């Protein structure tokens, strides 16, 4: 069973851009995610609810105002789990520095949309301390299981863009309700659920902020719609 996001190597390179937005004492910790899609030979930001087609190429941009470590994995509509980042093809250096823009994948790779129609769940985990892969901190990804029950993406007429883009209002960045089950390899990580996170839209990007400093890993999801 194929995951929706297939890693394609050797196509595009990482871009870093230093900023000066590190949080001041008492200021909330903030993360910003931008979804981009390839149009011919260029990349353009996409609405988080954009409904992609099979074969489309996508990537993400990420920035935080604090130092930490980033982990990204995909739960595809086929029922497969895939570690998207860090890994050999997409970049093994997953430390993030306050105020810098990062591209995911962080190498000359990209992601290709694949799999049955529905909503992929892309898990984003940010931790103030490194979580080793394969050393017991994060267990190996489980074997594929039955595909998740998912509703087919729908165009929200009230969110139809002027250029005619089809937008699904249920897609994009979401917190993880307590009733939702985390992937098996994340269930043992203490305090990994979304704890009182504030999620806002900023044009084509999404802002995730924590009113208190993170003392452990936090995880949220990006629901990627595709037909």
N, C-alpha and C. Protein backbone atom coordinates (compact mmCIF):
# COMPACT_ATOMS: atom_id res chain seq x y z
N UNK A 1 0.84 -1.20 0.00
CA UNK A 1 0.00 0.00 0.00
C UNK A 1 0.87 1.24 0.00
N UNK A 2 0.59 2.15 -0.89
CA UNK A 2 1.41 3.34 -1.02
C UNK A 2 0.96 4.42 -0.05
N UNK A 3 1.93 5.15 0.53
CA UNK A 3 1.55 6.35 1.29
C UNK A 3 1.20 7.45 0.31
N UNK A 4 0.39 8.40 0.75
CA UNK A 4 0.03 9.49 -0.16
C UNK A 4 1.24 10.33 -0.53
N UNK A 5 2.11 10.59 0.43
CA UNK A 5 3.25 11.46 0.17
C UNK A 5 4.46 10.60 -0.14
N UNK A 6 4.83 10.53 -1.40
CA UNK A 6 5.98 9.77 -1.84
C UNK A 6 7.17 10.70 -1.97
N UNK A 7 8.32 10.30 -1.42
CA UNK A 7 9.52 11.14 -1.48
C UNK A 7 10.20 10.97 -2.82
N UNK A 8 10.39 12.07 -3.53
CA UNK A 8 11.12 12.06 -4.79
C UNK A 8 12.46 12.76 -4.59
N UNK A 9 13.58 12.11 -4.89
CA UNK A 9 14.89 12.69 -4.60
C UNK A 9 15.40 13.63 -5.68
N UNK A 10 16.38 14.46 -5.27
CA UNK A 10 17.23 15.22 -6.17
C UNK A 10 16.50 16.16 -7.10
N UNK A 11 15.63 17.01 -6.51
CA UNK A 11 14.93 17.96 -7.35
C UNK A 11 15.04 19.40 -6.87
N UNK A 12 14.92 19.64 -5.57
CA UNK A 12 14.97 21.01 -5.08
C UNK A 12 15.80 21.11 -3.82
N UNK A 13 16.32 22.31 -3.54
CA UNK A 13 17.28 22.48 -2.46
C UNK A 13 16.69 23.25 -1.28
N UNK A 14 17.36 23.13 -0.13
CA UNK A 14 16.96 23.78 1.11
C UNK A 14 17.24 25.27 1.08
N UNK A 15 16.33 26.05 1.68
CA UNK A 15 16.59 27.47 1.82
C UNK A 15 16.45 27.89 3.27
N UNK A 16 17.44 28.56 3.82
CA UNK A 16 17.39 29.06 5.18
C UNK A 16 17.48 30.58 5.14
N UNK A 17 16.73 31.23 6.01
CA UNK A 17 16.73 32.69 6.04
C UNK A 17 16.68 33.14 7.48
N UNK A 18 17.75 33.77 7.96
CA UNK A 18 17.80 34.19 9.36
C UNK A 18 16.85 35.34 9.61
N UNK A 19 16.15 35.27 10.75
CA UNK A 19 15.26 36.32 11.19
C UNK A 19 15.64 36.71 12.61
N UNK A 20 14.89 37.63 13.20
CA UNK A 20 15.19 38.06 14.56
C UNK A 20 13.93 38.08 15.40
N UNK A 21 13.15 36.96 15.33
CA UNK A 21 11.89 36.96 16.04
C UNK A 21 11.90 35.99 17.22
N UNK A 22 13.05 35.79 17.87
CA UNK A 22 13.10 34.93 19.04
C UNK A 22 12.22 35.51 20.14
N UNK A 23 11.52 34.66 20.88
CA UNK A 23 10.57 35.17 21.88
C UNK A 23 11.27 35.87 23.03
N UNK A 24 10.62 36.90 23.55
CA UNK A 24 11.11 37.57 24.73
C UNK A 24 10.59 36.83 25.96
N UNK A 25 11.19 37.06 27.12
CA UNK A 25 10.70 36.38 28.33
C UNK A 25 9.21 36.61 28.53
N UNK A 26 8.46 35.51 28.73
CA UNK A 26 7.03 35.59 28.93
C UNK A 26 6.21 35.59 27.65
N UNK A 27 6.86 35.70 26.48
CA UNK A 27 6.15 35.70 25.22
C UNK A 27 5.80 34.28 24.81
N UNK A 28 4.69 34.11 24.09
CA UNK A 28 4.28 32.77 23.67
C UNK A 28 5.26 32.21 22.64
N UNK A 29 5.35 30.89 22.61
CA UNK A 29 6.17 30.22 21.61
C UNK A 29 5.31 29.95 20.40
N UNK A 30 5.84 30.25 19.22
CA UNK A 30 5.04 30.27 18.01
C UNK A 30 5.71 29.48 16.89
N UNK A 31 4.89 28.76 16.12
CA UNK A 31 5.35 28.03 14.94
C UNK A 31 4.49 28.41 13.75
N UNK A 32 5.08 28.53 12.59
CA UNK A 32 4.36 28.89 11.37
C UNK A 32 4.63 27.85 10.29
N UNK A 33 3.55 27.35 9.67
CA UNK A 33 3.67 26.36 8.60
C UNK A 33 3.03 26.91 7.34
N UNK A 34 3.73 26.80 6.23
CA UNK A 34 3.21 27.20 4.93
C UNK A 34 3.27 26.01 3.98
N UNK A 35 2.15 25.71 3.35
CA UNK A 35 2.08 24.64 2.36
C UNK A 35 2.35 25.23 0.99
N UNK A 36 3.18 24.57 0.20
CA UNK A 36 3.49 25.05 -1.15
C UNK A 36 3.24 23.93 -2.16
N UNK A 37 2.83 24.32 -3.34
CA UNK A 37 2.66 23.35 -4.42
C UNK A 37 3.42 23.81 -5.65
N UNK A 38 3.86 22.85 -6.44
CA UNK A 38 4.65 23.16 -7.63
C UNK A 38 3.72 23.43 -8.80
N UNK A 39 3.93 24.56 -9.44
CA UNK A 39 3.21 24.92 -10.65
C UNK A 39 4.23 25.13 -11.75
N UNK A 40 4.28 24.17 -12.67
CA UNK A 40 5.30 24.15 -13.72
C UNK A 40 6.67 24.11 -13.05
N UNK A 41 7.49 25.14 -13.22
CA UNK A 41 8.85 25.12 -12.65
C UNK A 41 9.01 26.04 -11.45
N UNK A 42 7.90 26.46 -10.86
CA UNK A 42 7.99 27.35 -9.71
C UNK A 42 7.13 26.82 -8.58
N UNK A 43 7.38 27.35 -7.36
CA UNK A 43 6.63 26.96 -6.18
C UNK A 43 5.79 28.14 -5.72
N UNK A 44 4.54 27.86 -5.34
CA UNK A 44 3.65 28.90 -4.87
C UNK A 44 2.96 28.42 -3.60
N UNK A 45 2.74 29.37 -2.68
CA UNK A 45 2.03 29.02 -1.45
C UNK A 45 0.60 28.61 -1.79
N UNK A 46 0.09 27.64 -1.03
CA UNK A 46 -1.25 27.12 -1.27
C UNK A 46 -2.09 27.28 -0.02
N UNK A 47 -3.37 27.48 -0.20
CA UNK A 47 -4.28 27.50 0.94
C UNK A 47 -4.17 26.16 1.66
N UNK A 48 -4.13 26.16 3.01
CA UNK A 48 -4.02 24.89 3.74
C UNK A 48 -5.12 23.90 3.42
N UNK A 49 -6.27 24.40 2.93
CA UNK A 49 -7.37 23.51 2.59
C UNK A 49 -7.44 23.15 1.12
N UNK A 50 -6.43 23.50 0.35
CA UNK A 50 -6.44 23.22 -1.09
C UNK A 50 -6.58 21.72 -1.34
N UNK A 51 -7.44 21.34 -2.27
CA UNK A 51 -7.64 19.93 -2.60
C UNK A 51 -6.71 19.56 -3.75
N UNK A 52 -5.72 18.72 -3.46
CA UNK A 52 -4.72 18.34 -4.44
C UNK A 52 -5.20 17.18 -5.30
N UNK A 53 -4.52 17.00 -6.42
CA UNK A 53 -4.78 15.87 -7.31
C UNK A 53 -3.62 14.88 -7.21
N UNK A 54 -3.88 13.65 -7.53
CA UNK A 54 -2.85 12.62 -7.51
C UNK A 54 -1.72 13.01 -8.45
N UNK A 55 -0.50 12.93 -7.97
CA UNK A 55 0.66 13.30 -8.77
C UNK A 55 1.16 14.71 -8.52
N UNK A 56 0.39 15.53 -7.81
CA UNK A 56 0.86 16.88 -7.48
C UNK A 56 2.09 16.81 -6.59
N UNK A 57 2.95 17.81 -6.70
CA UNK A 57 4.16 17.90 -5.87
C UNK A 57 3.96 18.98 -4.82
N UNK A 58 4.30 18.66 -3.58
CA UNK A 58 4.11 19.60 -2.49
C UNK A 58 5.35 19.64 -1.61
N UNK A 59 5.46 20.69 -0.81
CA UNK A 59 6.48 20.80 0.22
C UNK A 59 5.96 21.77 1.27
N UNK A 60 6.66 21.87 2.37
CA UNK A 60 6.26 22.74 3.48
C UNK A 60 7.40 23.69 3.82
N UNK A 61 7.02 24.83 4.37
CA UNK A 61 7.99 25.73 4.99
C UNK A 61 7.61 25.88 6.46
N UNK A 62 8.63 25.95 7.30
CA UNK A 62 8.40 25.95 8.75
C UNK A 62 9.31 26.97 9.40
N UNK A 63 8.75 27.68 10.39
CA UNK A 63 9.56 28.62 11.16
C UNK A 63 9.02 28.66 12.59
N UNK A 64 9.91 28.75 13.56
CA UNK A 64 9.51 28.87 14.96
C UNK A 64 10.30 30.00 15.60
N UNK A 65 9.79 30.54 16.69
CA UNK A 65 10.52 31.61 17.38
C UNK A 65 11.23 31.07 18.62
N UNK A 66 11.56 29.77 18.58
CA UNK A 66 12.32 29.14 19.66
C UNK A 66 13.15 28.00 19.07
N UNK A 67 14.18 27.59 19.80
CA UNK A 67 15.02 26.49 19.36
C UNK A 67 14.37 25.16 19.69
N UNK A 68 14.62 24.14 18.91
CA UNK A 68 14.06 22.82 19.19
C UNK A 68 14.40 21.82 18.11
N UNK A 69 13.57 20.79 18.02
CA UNK A 69 13.78 19.71 17.06
C UNK A 69 12.44 19.35 16.43
N UNK A 70 12.47 19.11 15.12
CA UNK A 70 11.25 18.87 14.35
C UNK A 70 11.21 17.45 13.82
N UNK A 71 10.02 16.83 13.94
CA UNK A 71 9.77 15.49 13.41
C UNK A 71 8.45 15.53 12.66
N UNK A 72 8.42 14.95 11.45
CA UNK A 72 7.21 14.97 10.62
C UNK A 72 6.96 13.56 10.09
N UNK A 73 5.72 13.08 10.25
CA UNK A 73 5.37 11.79 9.68
C UNK A 73 3.98 11.84 9.09
N UNK A 74 3.73 10.93 8.16
CA UNK A 74 2.49 10.92 7.40
C UNK A 74 1.72 9.63 7.65
N UNK A 75 0.41 9.77 7.94
CA UNK A 75 -0.50 8.63 8.01
C UNK A 75 -1.37 8.71 6.77
N UNK A 76 -1.02 7.91 5.76
CA UNK A 76 -1.67 8.01 4.46
C UNK A 76 -3.03 7.38 4.41
N UNK A 77 -3.79 7.73 3.39
CA UNK A 77 -5.13 7.18 3.23
C UNK A 77 -5.09 5.70 2.88
N UNK A 78 -3.91 5.18 2.52
CA UNK A 78 -3.77 3.74 2.26
C UNK A 78 -3.63 2.96 3.56
N UNK A 79 -3.40 3.67 4.68
CA UNK A 79 -3.19 3.02 5.97
C UNK A 79 -1.74 2.90 6.34
N UNK A 80 -0.83 3.46 5.55
CA UNK A 80 0.60 3.37 5.81
C UNK A 80 1.10 4.57 6.60
N UNK A 81 2.06 4.33 7.49
CA UNK A 81 2.79 5.39 8.17
C UNK A 81 4.12 5.58 7.46
N UNK A 82 4.53 6.83 7.28
CA UNK A 82 5.82 7.12 6.66
C UNK A 82 6.51 8.24 7.43
N UNK A 83 7.74 8.02 7.86
CA UNK A 83 8.52 9.09 8.45
C UNK A 83 8.98 10.00 7.32
N UNK A 84 8.48 11.22 7.30
CA UNK A 84 8.84 12.17 6.25
C UNK A 84 10.13 12.92 6.57
N UNK A 85 10.32 13.24 7.85
CA UNK A 85 11.48 14.04 8.25
C UNK A 85 11.70 13.87 9.75
N UNK A 86 12.94 13.59 10.20
CA UNK A 86 14.17 13.44 9.42
C UNK A 86 14.31 12.03 8.85
N UNK A 87 14.97 11.93 7.73
CA UNK A 87 15.34 10.67 7.10
C UNK A 87 16.40 10.97 6.05
N UNK A 88 17.02 9.93 5.52
CA UNK A 88 18.16 10.12 4.63
C UNK A 88 17.80 10.99 3.42
N UNK A 89 16.64 10.71 2.81
CA UNK A 89 16.28 11.40 1.58
C UNK A 89 15.84 12.84 1.80
N UNK A 90 15.28 13.14 2.95
CA UNK A 90 14.71 14.48 3.16
C UNK A 90 15.51 15.34 4.12
N UNK A 91 16.59 14.79 4.67
CA UNK A 91 17.43 15.55 5.59
C UNK A 91 17.45 14.95 6.98
N UNK A 92 18.64 14.72 7.51
CA UNK A 92 18.77 14.10 8.82
C UNK A 92 18.98 15.12 9.93
N UNK A 93 19.35 16.35 9.56
CA UNK A 93 19.56 17.40 10.56
C UNK A 93 18.23 18.08 10.85
N UNK A 94 17.62 17.76 11.98
CA UNK A 94 16.28 18.27 12.26
C UNK A 94 16.24 19.29 13.39
N UNK A 95 17.40 19.80 13.79
CA UNK A 95 17.41 20.87 14.78
C UNK A 95 16.91 22.17 14.16
N UNK A 96 16.10 22.93 14.89
CA UNK A 96 15.60 24.20 14.39
C UNK A 96 16.11 25.33 15.28
N UNK A 97 16.41 26.45 14.66
CA UNK A 97 16.93 27.62 15.35
C UNK A 97 15.89 28.72 15.26
N UNK A 98 15.69 29.41 16.35
CA UNK A 98 14.67 30.47 16.38
C UNK A 98 14.87 31.47 15.25
N UNK A 99 13.77 31.75 14.52
CA UNK A 99 13.79 32.79 13.50
C UNK A 99 14.24 32.38 12.13
N UNK A 100 14.62 31.12 11.93
CA UNK A 100 15.06 30.69 10.62
C UNK A 100 13.92 29.99 9.87
N UNK A 101 13.90 30.20 8.55
CA UNK A 101 12.94 29.51 7.69
C UNK A 101 13.53 28.19 7.24
N UNK A 102 12.75 27.11 7.38
CA UNK A 102 13.19 25.79 6.97
C UNK A 102 12.24 25.23 5.93
N UNK A 103 12.80 24.46 5.02
CA UNK A 103 12.01 23.79 4.01
C UNK A 103 11.96 22.31 4.33
N UNK A 104 10.79 21.71 4.24
CA UNK A 104 10.61 20.28 4.45
C UNK A 104 9.98 19.71 3.18
N UNK A 105 10.71 18.87 2.43
CA UNK A 105 12.01 18.27 2.71
C UNK A 105 13.12 19.30 2.77
N UNK A 106 14.17 18.97 3.52
CA UNK A 106 15.31 19.86 3.71
C UNK A 106 16.45 19.51 2.76
N UNK A 107 16.18 18.71 1.75
CA UNK A 107 17.17 18.33 0.75
C UNK A 107 16.62 18.68 -0.62
N UNK A 108 17.23 18.14 -1.65
CA UNK A 108 16.75 18.38 -3.01
C UNK A 108 15.66 17.38 -3.38
N UNK A 109 14.87 16.99 -2.41
CA UNK A 109 13.75 16.08 -2.64
C UNK A 109 12.45 16.87 -2.62
N UNK A 110 11.33 16.18 -2.90
CA UNK A 110 10.01 16.77 -2.76
C UNK A 110 9.03 15.64 -2.47
N UNK A 111 7.79 16.01 -2.14
CA UNK A 111 6.76 15.03 -1.87
C UNK A 111 5.76 15.00 -3.03
N UNK A 112 5.36 13.79 -3.41
CA UNK A 112 4.35 13.63 -4.46
C UNK A 112 3.08 13.06 -3.85
N UNK A 113 1.94 13.68 -4.15
CA UNK A 113 0.66 13.23 -3.63
C UNK A 113 0.28 11.90 -4.28
N UNK A 114 -0.11 10.93 -3.45
CA UNK A 114 -0.45 9.61 -3.95
C UNK A 114 -1.49 8.99 -3.03
N UNK A 115 -1.99 7.82 -3.38
CA UNK A 115 -2.90 7.11 -2.51
C UNK A 115 -4.36 7.38 -2.81
N UNK A 116 -5.27 6.64 -2.16
CA UNK A 116 -6.71 6.82 -2.37
C UNK A 116 -7.17 8.22 -1.95
N UNK A 117 -8.25 8.74 -2.54
CA UNK A 117 -8.76 10.06 -2.16
C UNK A 117 -9.12 10.11 -0.67
N UNK A 118 -8.94 11.27 -0.09
CA UNK A 118 -9.27 11.45 1.31
C UNK A 118 -8.42 12.53 1.94
N UNK A 119 -8.17 12.40 3.23
CA UNK A 119 -7.35 13.35 3.99
C UNK A 119 -6.16 12.61 4.58
N UNK A 120 -4.96 12.93 4.11
CA UNK A 120 -3.77 12.44 4.78
C UNK A 120 -3.62 13.19 6.10
N UNK A 121 -3.14 12.52 7.12
CA UNK A 121 -2.86 13.17 8.39
C UNK A 121 -1.34 13.27 8.53
N UNK A 122 -0.82 14.48 8.40
CA UNK A 122 0.62 14.71 8.54
C UNK A 122 0.86 15.20 9.95
N UNK A 123 1.55 14.39 10.75
CA UNK A 123 1.82 14.74 12.15
C UNK A 123 3.10 15.56 12.25
N UNK A 124 3.00 16.68 12.95
CA UNK A 124 4.15 17.56 13.21
C UNK A 124 4.44 17.51 14.71
N UNK A 125 5.63 17.09 15.08
CA UNK A 125 6.02 17.06 16.48
C UNK A 125 7.23 17.94 16.67
N UNK A 126 7.14 18.85 17.61
CA UNK A 126 8.23 19.77 17.93
C UNK A 126 8.60 19.55 19.39
N UNK A 127 9.89 19.40 19.64
CA UNK A 127 10.36 19.13 20.99
C UNK A 127 11.50 20.07 21.34
N UNK A 128 11.56 20.56 22.58
CA UNK A 128 12.69 21.40 22.99
C UNK A 128 13.97 20.60 23.17
N UNK A 129 13.85 19.29 23.22
CA UNK A 129 15.03 18.41 23.35
C UNK A 129 14.97 17.36 22.26
N UNK A 130 16.11 16.82 21.81
CA UNK A 130 16.10 15.81 20.75
C UNK A 130 15.46 14.52 21.21
N UNK A 131 14.74 13.88 20.30
CA UNK A 131 14.14 12.57 20.54
C UNK A 131 14.76 11.60 19.54
N UNK A 132 15.57 10.69 20.02
CA UNK A 132 16.30 9.82 19.12
C UNK A 132 15.40 8.89 18.33
N UNK A 133 15.77 8.61 17.13
CA UNK A 133 15.06 7.65 16.29
C UNK A 133 15.76 6.30 16.42
N UNK A 134 15.01 5.29 16.84
CA UNK A 134 15.58 3.96 16.91
C UNK A 134 16.34 3.65 18.17
N UNK A 135 16.37 4.56 19.15
CA UNK A 135 17.10 4.30 20.39
C UNK A 135 16.15 4.09 21.56
N UNK A 136 14.87 3.91 21.26
CA UNK A 136 13.89 3.69 22.31
C UNK A 136 13.06 4.93 22.61
N UNK A 137 13.55 6.12 22.24
CA UNK A 137 12.77 7.33 22.48
C UNK A 137 11.56 7.38 21.56
N UNK A 138 11.79 7.11 20.29
CA UNK A 138 10.71 6.97 19.32
C UNK A 138 10.86 5.59 18.69
N UNK A 139 9.89 4.73 18.92
CA UNK A 139 9.96 3.38 18.40
C UNK A 139 9.84 3.39 16.88
N UNK A 140 10.25 2.31 16.21
CA UNK A 140 10.09 2.24 14.75
C UNK A 140 8.62 2.40 14.37
N UNK A 141 8.38 2.89 13.17
CA UNK A 141 7.01 3.03 12.70
C UNK A 141 6.35 1.67 12.60
N UNK A 142 5.07 1.58 12.94
CA UNK A 142 4.38 0.29 12.89
C UNK A 142 4.15 -0.17 11.46
N UNK A 143 3.80 -1.43 11.32
CA UNK A 143 3.47 -1.96 10.00
C UNK A 143 2.16 -1.33 9.51
N UNK A 144 1.98 -1.26 8.18
CA UNK A 144 0.72 -0.71 7.67
C UNK A 144 -0.48 -1.46 8.22
N UNK A 145 -1.57 -0.74 8.46
CA UNK A 145 -2.80 -1.36 8.93
C UNK A 145 -3.93 -0.97 8.00
N UNK A 146 -5.14 -1.28 8.39
CA UNK A 146 -6.27 -0.97 7.53
C UNK A 146 -6.35 0.54 7.31
N UNK A 147 -6.76 0.97 6.11
CA UNK A 147 -6.87 2.41 5.85
C UNK A 147 -7.80 3.08 6.84
N UNK A 148 -7.47 4.31 7.26
CA UNK A 148 -8.34 5.02 8.20
C UNK A 148 -9.67 5.38 7.54
N UNK A 149 -10.72 5.48 8.34
CA UNK A 149 -11.99 5.94 7.83
C UNK A 149 -11.89 7.44 7.60
N UNK A 150 -12.14 7.85 6.41
CA UNK A 150 -11.97 9.27 6.10
C UNK A 150 -13.04 9.71 5.12
N UNK A 151 -13.50 10.93 5.28
CA UNK A 151 -14.47 11.50 4.36
C UNK A 151 -13.76 12.05 3.15
N UNK A 152 -14.40 11.99 2.01
CA UNK A 152 -13.81 12.54 0.80
C UNK A 152 -13.80 14.06 0.89
N UNK A 153 -12.75 14.70 0.37
CA UNK A 153 -12.69 16.17 0.40
C UNK A 153 -13.88 16.79 -0.33
N UNK A 154 -14.33 17.93 0.19
CA UNK A 154 -15.44 18.65 -0.41
C UNK A 154 -15.07 20.11 -0.62
N UNK A 155 -15.49 20.66 -1.75
CA UNK A 155 -15.29 22.09 -1.98
C UNK A 155 -16.27 22.88 -1.11
N UNK A 156 -15.73 23.83 -0.39
CA UNK A 156 -16.56 24.73 0.41
C UNK A 156 -16.84 25.97 -0.43
N UNK A 157 -18.08 26.10 -0.87
CA UNK A 157 -18.42 27.21 -1.77
C UNK A 157 -18.12 28.58 -1.16
N UNK A 158 -18.22 28.68 0.16
CA UNK A 158 -17.97 29.97 0.81
C UNK A 158 -16.49 30.32 0.84
N UNK A 159 -15.63 29.31 0.58
CA UNK A 159 -14.18 29.55 0.61
C UNK A 159 -13.56 29.46 -0.77
N UNK A 160 -14.38 29.38 -1.81
CA UNK A 160 -13.85 29.29 -3.17
C UNK A 160 -13.04 30.55 -3.49
N UNK A 161 -11.78 30.34 -3.86
CA UNK A 161 -10.93 31.47 -4.17
C UNK A 161 -11.33 32.11 -5.50
N UNK A 162 -10.92 33.36 -5.69
CA UNK A 162 -11.24 34.09 -6.91
C UNK A 162 -10.68 33.37 -8.13
N UNK A 163 -9.55 32.69 -7.97
CA UNK A 163 -8.94 32.00 -9.11
C UNK A 163 -9.56 30.63 -9.33
N UNK A 164 -10.60 30.29 -8.54
CA UNK A 164 -11.30 29.05 -8.77
C UNK A 164 -10.76 27.85 -8.04
N UNK A 165 -9.86 28.04 -7.08
CA UNK A 165 -9.32 26.92 -6.32
C UNK A 165 -10.40 26.27 -5.48
N UNK A 166 -10.35 24.96 -5.38
CA UNK A 166 -11.30 24.22 -4.57
C UNK A 166 -10.71 24.05 -3.18
N UNK A 167 -11.39 24.57 -2.16
CA UNK A 167 -10.89 24.59 -0.79
C UNK A 167 -11.78 23.75 0.12
N UNK A 168 -11.16 22.87 0.90
CA UNK A 168 -11.87 22.06 1.89
C UNK A 168 -11.63 22.68 3.27
N UNK A 169 -12.68 23.20 3.88
CA UNK A 169 -12.52 23.91 5.15
C UNK A 169 -12.12 23.00 6.30
N UNK A 170 -12.26 21.67 6.14
CA UNK A 170 -11.88 20.75 7.21
C UNK A 170 -10.41 20.36 7.15
N UNK A 171 -9.70 20.77 6.10
CA UNK A 171 -8.29 20.45 5.95
C UNK A 171 -7.43 21.52 6.60
N UNK A 172 -6.11 21.29 6.63
CA UNK A 172 -5.19 22.25 7.21
C UNK A 172 -4.75 21.84 8.60
N UNK A 173 -4.16 22.79 9.33
CA UNK A 173 -3.61 22.52 10.66
C UNK A 173 -4.74 22.36 11.68
N UNK A 174 -4.63 21.32 12.49
CA UNK A 174 -5.62 21.03 13.52
C UNK A 174 -4.91 20.53 14.78
N UNK A 175 -5.49 20.84 15.93
CA UNK A 175 -5.02 20.21 17.15
C UNK A 175 -5.52 18.77 17.18
N UNK A 176 -5.01 17.97 18.10
CA UNK A 176 -5.39 16.57 18.18
C UNK A 176 -6.28 16.38 19.40
N UNK A 177 -7.54 16.09 19.20
CA UNK A 177 -8.45 15.90 20.35
C UNK A 177 -7.99 14.72 21.21
N UNK A 178 -8.33 14.77 22.49
CA UNK A 178 -7.97 13.69 23.39
C UNK A 178 -8.57 12.36 22.95
N UNK A 179 -9.68 12.42 22.21
CA UNK A 179 -10.34 11.20 21.77
C UNK A 179 -9.63 10.53 20.60
N UNK A 180 -8.73 11.26 19.93
CA UNK A 180 -8.01 10.71 18.78
C UNK A 180 -6.82 9.88 19.24
N UNK A 181 -6.60 8.78 18.58
CA UNK A 181 -5.47 7.91 18.91
C UNK A 181 -4.24 8.33 18.12
N UNK A 182 -3.13 8.50 18.81
CA UNK A 182 -1.87 8.84 18.15
C UNK A 182 -1.30 7.62 17.45
N UNK A 183 -0.41 7.81 16.46
CA UNK A 183 0.30 6.68 15.90
C UNK A 183 1.00 5.88 16.99
N UNK A 184 1.12 4.58 16.78
CA UNK A 184 1.62 3.69 17.81
C UNK A 184 3.00 4.09 18.34
N UNK A 185 3.85 4.61 17.46
CA UNK A 185 5.21 4.92 17.90
C UNK A 185 5.31 6.25 18.65
N UNK A 186 4.18 6.95 18.79
CA UNK A 186 4.18 8.22 19.53
C UNK A 186 3.40 8.12 20.84
N UNK A 187 2.69 7.02 21.04
CA UNK A 187 1.81 6.93 22.20
C UNK A 187 2.56 6.92 23.52
N UNK A 188 3.82 6.45 23.51
CA UNK A 188 4.57 6.36 24.76
C UNK A 188 5.33 7.63 25.11
N UNK A 189 5.32 8.61 24.21
CA UNK A 189 6.06 9.85 24.46
C UNK A 189 5.25 10.71 25.42
N UNK A 190 5.82 11.10 26.56
CA UNK A 190 5.06 11.87 27.54
C UNK A 190 4.67 13.24 27.02
N UNK A 191 3.45 13.65 27.32
CA UNK A 191 2.93 14.99 27.01
C UNK A 191 2.99 15.31 25.52
N UNK A 192 2.76 14.31 24.68
CA UNK A 192 2.87 14.53 23.25
C UNK A 192 1.62 15.12 22.62
N UNK A 193 0.48 15.10 23.32
CA UNK A 193 -0.75 15.64 22.73
C UNK A 193 -0.70 17.17 22.64
N UNK A 194 -1.60 17.71 21.83
CA UNK A 194 -1.70 19.17 21.70
C UNK A 194 -2.27 19.74 22.99
N UNK A 195 -1.48 20.52 23.69
CA UNK A 195 -1.90 21.05 24.98
C UNK A 195 -2.22 22.54 24.84
N UNK A 196 -3.50 22.86 24.83
CA UNK A 196 -3.93 24.25 24.83
C UNK A 196 -3.21 25.08 23.75
N UNK A 197 -3.08 24.49 22.58
CA UNK A 197 -2.46 25.22 21.48
C UNK A 197 -3.49 26.16 20.84
N UNK A 198 -3.01 27.30 20.39
CA UNK A 198 -3.84 28.27 19.69
C UNK A 198 -3.46 28.22 18.21
N UNK A 199 -4.43 27.94 17.34
CA UNK A 199 -4.16 27.80 15.91
C UNK A 199 -4.91 28.90 15.17
N UNK A 200 -4.18 29.65 14.36
CA UNK A 200 -4.75 30.78 13.62
C UNK A 200 -4.27 30.73 12.17
N UNK A 201 -5.04 31.38 11.29
CA UNK A 201 -4.66 31.52 9.90
C UNK A 201 -4.03 32.88 9.67
N UNK A 202 -3.00 32.91 8.82
CA UNK A 202 -2.32 34.14 8.45
C UNK A 202 -2.11 34.09 6.94
N UNK A 203 -3.07 34.65 6.19
CA UNK A 203 -3.06 34.56 4.74
C UNK A 203 -2.99 33.08 4.36
N UNK A 204 -1.94 32.64 3.67
CA UNK A 204 -1.84 31.24 3.24
C UNK A 204 -1.06 30.37 4.22
N UNK A 205 -0.65 30.90 5.34
CA UNK A 205 0.10 30.11 6.32
C UNK A 205 -0.76 29.89 7.56
N UNK A 206 -0.28 28.99 8.41
CA UNK A 206 -0.98 28.67 9.66
C UNK A 206 -0.04 28.92 10.83
N UNK A 207 -0.55 29.54 11.88
CA UNK A 207 0.22 29.82 13.08
C UNK A 207 -0.24 28.91 14.21
N UNK A 208 0.72 28.28 14.87
CA UNK A 208 0.44 27.45 16.04
C UNK A 208 1.25 28.03 17.19
N UNK A 209 0.57 28.42 18.27
CA UNK A 209 1.28 29.04 19.38
C UNK A 209 0.90 28.38 20.69
N UNK A 210 1.85 28.39 21.62
CA UNK A 210 1.64 27.89 22.97
C UNK A 210 1.80 29.05 23.92
N UNK A 211 0.80 29.32 24.77
CA UNK A 211 0.90 30.47 25.68
C UNK A 211 1.95 30.29 26.76
N UNK A 212 2.43 29.07 26.96
CA UNK A 212 3.45 28.80 27.97
C UNK A 212 4.63 28.11 27.29
N UNK A 213 5.86 28.28 27.79
CA UNK A 213 7.02 27.62 27.19
C UNK A 213 6.86 26.11 27.18
N UNK A 214 7.28 25.48 26.09
CA UNK A 214 7.20 24.03 25.98
C UNK A 214 8.27 23.38 26.86
N UNK A 215 7.85 22.46 27.69
CA UNK A 215 8.79 21.71 28.53
C UNK A 215 8.96 20.29 28.02
N UNK A 216 8.20 19.92 27.02
CA UNK A 216 8.28 18.59 26.42
C UNK A 216 7.74 18.65 25.01
N UNK A 217 7.72 17.53 24.30
CA UNK A 217 7.26 17.53 22.91
C UNK A 217 5.78 17.82 22.79
N UNK A 218 5.41 18.49 21.72
CA UNK A 218 4.02 18.76 21.42
C UNK A 218 3.76 18.29 19.99
N UNK A 219 2.55 17.81 19.74
CA UNK A 219 2.24 17.28 18.42
C UNK A 219 0.90 17.79 17.95
N UNK A 220 0.84 18.16 16.66
CA UNK A 220 -0.41 18.57 16.05
C UNK A 220 -0.44 18.00 14.64
N UNK A 221 -1.52 18.21 13.92
CA UNK A 221 -1.67 17.57 12.62
C UNK A 221 -1.98 18.57 11.52
N UNK A 222 -1.58 18.20 10.32
CA UNK A 222 -1.93 18.96 9.11
C UNK A 222 -2.69 17.97 8.22
N UNK A 223 -3.99 18.23 8.05
CA UNK A 223 -4.81 17.35 7.24
C UNK A 223 -4.71 17.80 5.78
N UNK A 224 -4.10 16.96 4.96
CA UNK A 224 -3.85 17.29 3.55
C UNK A 224 -4.92 16.62 2.69
N UNK A 225 -5.76 17.43 2.04
CA UNK A 225 -6.87 16.92 1.24
C UNK A 225 -6.42 16.62 -0.17
N UNK A 226 -6.90 15.50 -0.72
CA UNK A 226 -6.57 15.16 -2.11
C UNK A 226 -7.66 14.29 -2.69
N UNK A 227 -7.78 14.36 -4.00
CA UNK A 227 -8.80 13.59 -4.71
C UNK A 227 -8.17 12.53 -5.60
